[in-house]
Amino acid sequence: MEHPYTSNESAAKIFYFLLQIAHMIIQLIYKGSLLRAALIQVTSMKMLAFFLLEAWRNAFITKNNLELIKMKKIQIRFDTS
């Protein structure tokens, strides 16, 4: 957050909010039950970030697959330990 990515005040606020949303999503994945079900070999946040990046690079979702994903019910349970 110390690097000035822009001098535009609105752009800086938007970047900050996107950074906060990304952090929240990473925390939900890392502390939730979805990680244990999908990626047992993840041992650090750096490895989690690598797997997420590779998933985005290699994912190909068709319109039919997207509709099936939207209809599927998902429940996230948090780790209490």
C-alpha atoms as a PDB file:
ATOM      1  CA  MET A   1       0.000   0.000   0.000  1.00  0.00           C
ATOM      2  CA  GLU A   2       2.989   2.330   0.235  1.00  0.00           C
ATOM      3  CA  HIS A   3       3.627   2.340  -3.516  1.00  0.00           C
ATOM      4  CA  PRO A   4       1.668   5.124  -5.284  1.00  0.00           C
ATOM      5  CA  TYR A   5       0.025   3.204  -8.129  1.00  0.00           C
ATOM      6  CA  THR A   6      -1.824   6.330  -9.208  1.00  0.00           C
ATOM      7  CA  SER A   7      -2.182  10.006  -8.394  1.00  0.00           C
ATOM      8  CA  ASN A   8      -5.933   9.888  -9.007  1.00  0.00           C
ATOM      9  CA  GLU A   9      -7.767   9.867  -5.668  1.00  0.00           C
ATOM     10  CA  SER A  10     -10.768   7.880  -6.954  1.00  0.00           C
ATOM     11  CA  ALA A  11      -8.549   5.240  -8.562  1.00  0.00           C
ATOM     12  CA  ALA A  12      -6.569   4.894  -5.332  1.00  0.00           C
ATOM     13  CA  LYS A  13      -9.785   4.330  -3.349  1.00  0.00           C
ATOM     14  CA  ILE A  14     -11.007   1.724  -5.849  1.00  0.00           C
ATOM     15  CA  PHE A  15      -7.641  -0.056  -5.730  1.00  0.00           C
ATOM     16  CA  TYR A  16      -7.761  -0.075  -1.921  1.00  0.00           C
ATOM     17  CA  PHE A  17     -11.287  -1.550  -1.885  1.00  0.00           C
ATOM     18  CA  LEU A  18     -10.321  -4.237  -4.414  1.00  0.00           C
ATOM     19  CA  LEU A  19      -7.299  -5.089  -2.277  1.00  0.00           C
ATOM     20  CA  GLN A  20      -9.546  -5.466   0.780  1.00  0.00           C
ATOM     21  CA  ILE A  21     -11.990  -7.691  -1.131  1.00  0.00           C
ATOM     22  CA  ALA A  22      -9.130  -9.880  -2.387  1.00  0.00           C
ATOM     23  CA  HIS A  23      -7.782 -10.215   1.152  1.00  0.00           C
ATOM     24  CA  MET A  24     -11.215 -11.209   2.454  1.00  0.00           C
ATOM     25  CA  ILE A  25     -11.623 -13.867  -0.254  1.00  0.00           C
ATOM     26  CA  ILE A  26      -8.165 -15.302   0.467  1.00  0.00           C
ATOM     27  CA  GLN A  27      -8.977 -15.476   4.186  1.00  0.00           C
ATOM     28  CA  LEU A  28     -12.294 -17.226   3.495  1.00  0.00           C
ATOM     29  CA  ILE A  29     -10.579 -19.797   1.299  1.00  0.00           C
ATOM     30  CA  TYR A  30      -7.614 -20.321   3.626  1.00  0.00           C
ATOM     31  CA  LYS A  31      -9.653 -20.590   6.841  1.00  0.00           C
ATOM     32  CA  GLY A  32     -12.702 -22.299   5.326  1.00  0.00           C
ATOM     33  CA  SER A  33     -13.507 -25.907   4.553  1.00  0.00           C
ATOM     34  CA  LEU A  34     -13.258 -25.536   0.765  1.00  0.00           C
ATOM     35  CA  LEU A  35      -9.473 -25.575   0.930  1.00  0.00           C
ATOM     36  CA  ARG A  36      -9.341 -28.879   2.776  1.00  0.00           C
ATOM     37  CA  ALA A  37     -11.678 -30.491   0.274  1.00  0.00           C
ATOM     38  CA  ALA A  38      -9.908 -29.219  -2.842  1.00  0.00           C
ATOM     39  CA  LEU A  39      -6.245 -28.651  -2.050  1.00  0.00           C
ATOM     40  CA  ILE A  40      -4.858 -30.874   0.665  1.00  0.00           C
ATOM     41  CA  GLN A  41      -1.230 -30.108  -0.243  1.00  0.00           C
ATOM     42  CA  VAL A  42      -1.472 -26.350   0.492  1.00  0.00           C
ATOM     43  CA  THR A  43       0.811 -25.543   3.410  1.00  0.00           C
ATOM     44  CA  SER A  44       1.281 -21.774   3.128  1.00  0.00           C
ATOM     45  CA  MET A  45      -0.408 -18.637   1.864  1.00  0.00           C
ATOM     46  CA  LYS A  46       2.230 -18.358  -0.880  1.00  0.00           C
ATOM     47  CA  MET A  47       1.350 -21.816  -2.166  1.00  0.00           C
ATOM     48  CA  LEU A  48      -2.364 -20.947  -1.982  1.00  0.00           C
ATOM     49  CA  ALA A  49      -1.757 -17.822  -4.075  1.00  0.00           C
ATOM     50  CA  PHE A  50       0.176 -19.908  -6.621  1.00  0.00           C
ATOM     51  CA  PHE A  51      -2.652 -22.470  -6.909  1.00  0.00           C
ATOM     52  CA  LEU A  52      -5.270 -19.720  -7.298  1.00  0.00           C
ATOM     53  CA  LEU A  53      -3.221 -18.046 -10.027  1.00  0.00           C
ATOM     54  CA  GLU A  54      -2.827 -21.329 -11.896  1.00  0.00           C
ATOM     55  CA  ALA A  55      -6.544 -22.041 -11.541  1.00  0.00           C
ATOM     56  CA  TRP A  56      -7.385 -18.671 -13.122  1.00  0.00           C
ATOM     57  CA  ARG A  57      -4.869 -19.211 -15.913  1.00  0.00           C
ATOM     58  CA  ASN A  58      -6.113 -22.670 -16.833  1.00  0.00           C
ATOM     59  CA  ALA A  59      -9.839 -22.412 -16.112  1.00  0.00           C
ATOM     60  CA  PHE A  60     -12.217 -22.525 -19.039  1.00  0.00           C
ATOM     61  CA  ILE A  61     -15.849 -22.127 -18.062  1.00  0.00           C
ATOM     62  CA  THR A  62     -18.569 -22.484 -20.639  1.00  0.00           C
ATOM     63  CA  LYS A  63     -21.992 -20.901 -20.290  1.00  0.00           C
ATOM     64  CA  ASN A  64     -23.540 -24.299 -19.456  1.00  0.00           C
ATOM     65  CA  ASN A  65     -20.921 -24.982 -16.771  1.00  0.00           C
ATOM     66  CA  LEU A  66     -21.520 -21.546 -15.274  1.00  0.00           C
ATOM     67  CA  GLU A  67     -25.252 -22.214 -15.011  1.00  0.00           C
ATOM     68  CA  LEU A  68     -24.557 -25.524 -13.240  1.00  0.00           C
ATOM     69  CA  ILE A  69     -22.180 -23.800 -10.828  1.00  0.00           C
ATOM     70  CA  LYS A  70     -24.757 -21.114 -10.036  1.00  0.00           C
ATOM     71  CA  MET A  71     -27.426 -23.732  -9.254  1.00  0.00           C
ATOM     72  CA  LYS A  72     -25.143 -25.715  -6.935  1.00  0.00           C
ATOM     73  CA  LYS A  73     -25.527 -25.022  -3.215  1.00  0.00           C
ATOM     74  CA  ILE A  74     -22.259 -24.341  -1.394  1.00  0.00           C
ATOM     75  CA  GLN A  75     -21.636 -24.202   2.330  1.00  0.00           C
ATOM     76  CA  ILE A  76     -18.367 -22.975   3.874  1.00  0.00           C
ATOM     77  CA  ARG A  77     -17.436 -24.085   7.382  1.00  0.00           C
ATOM     78  CA  PHE A  78     -14.710 -22.256   9.263  1.00  0.00           C
ATOM     79  CA  ASP A  79     -11.817 -23.947  11.027  1.00  0.00           C
ATOM     80  CA  THR A  80     -12.224 -23.514  14.792  1.00  0.00           C
ATOM     81  CA  SER A  81      -8.731 -24.650  15.751  1.00  0.00           C
END
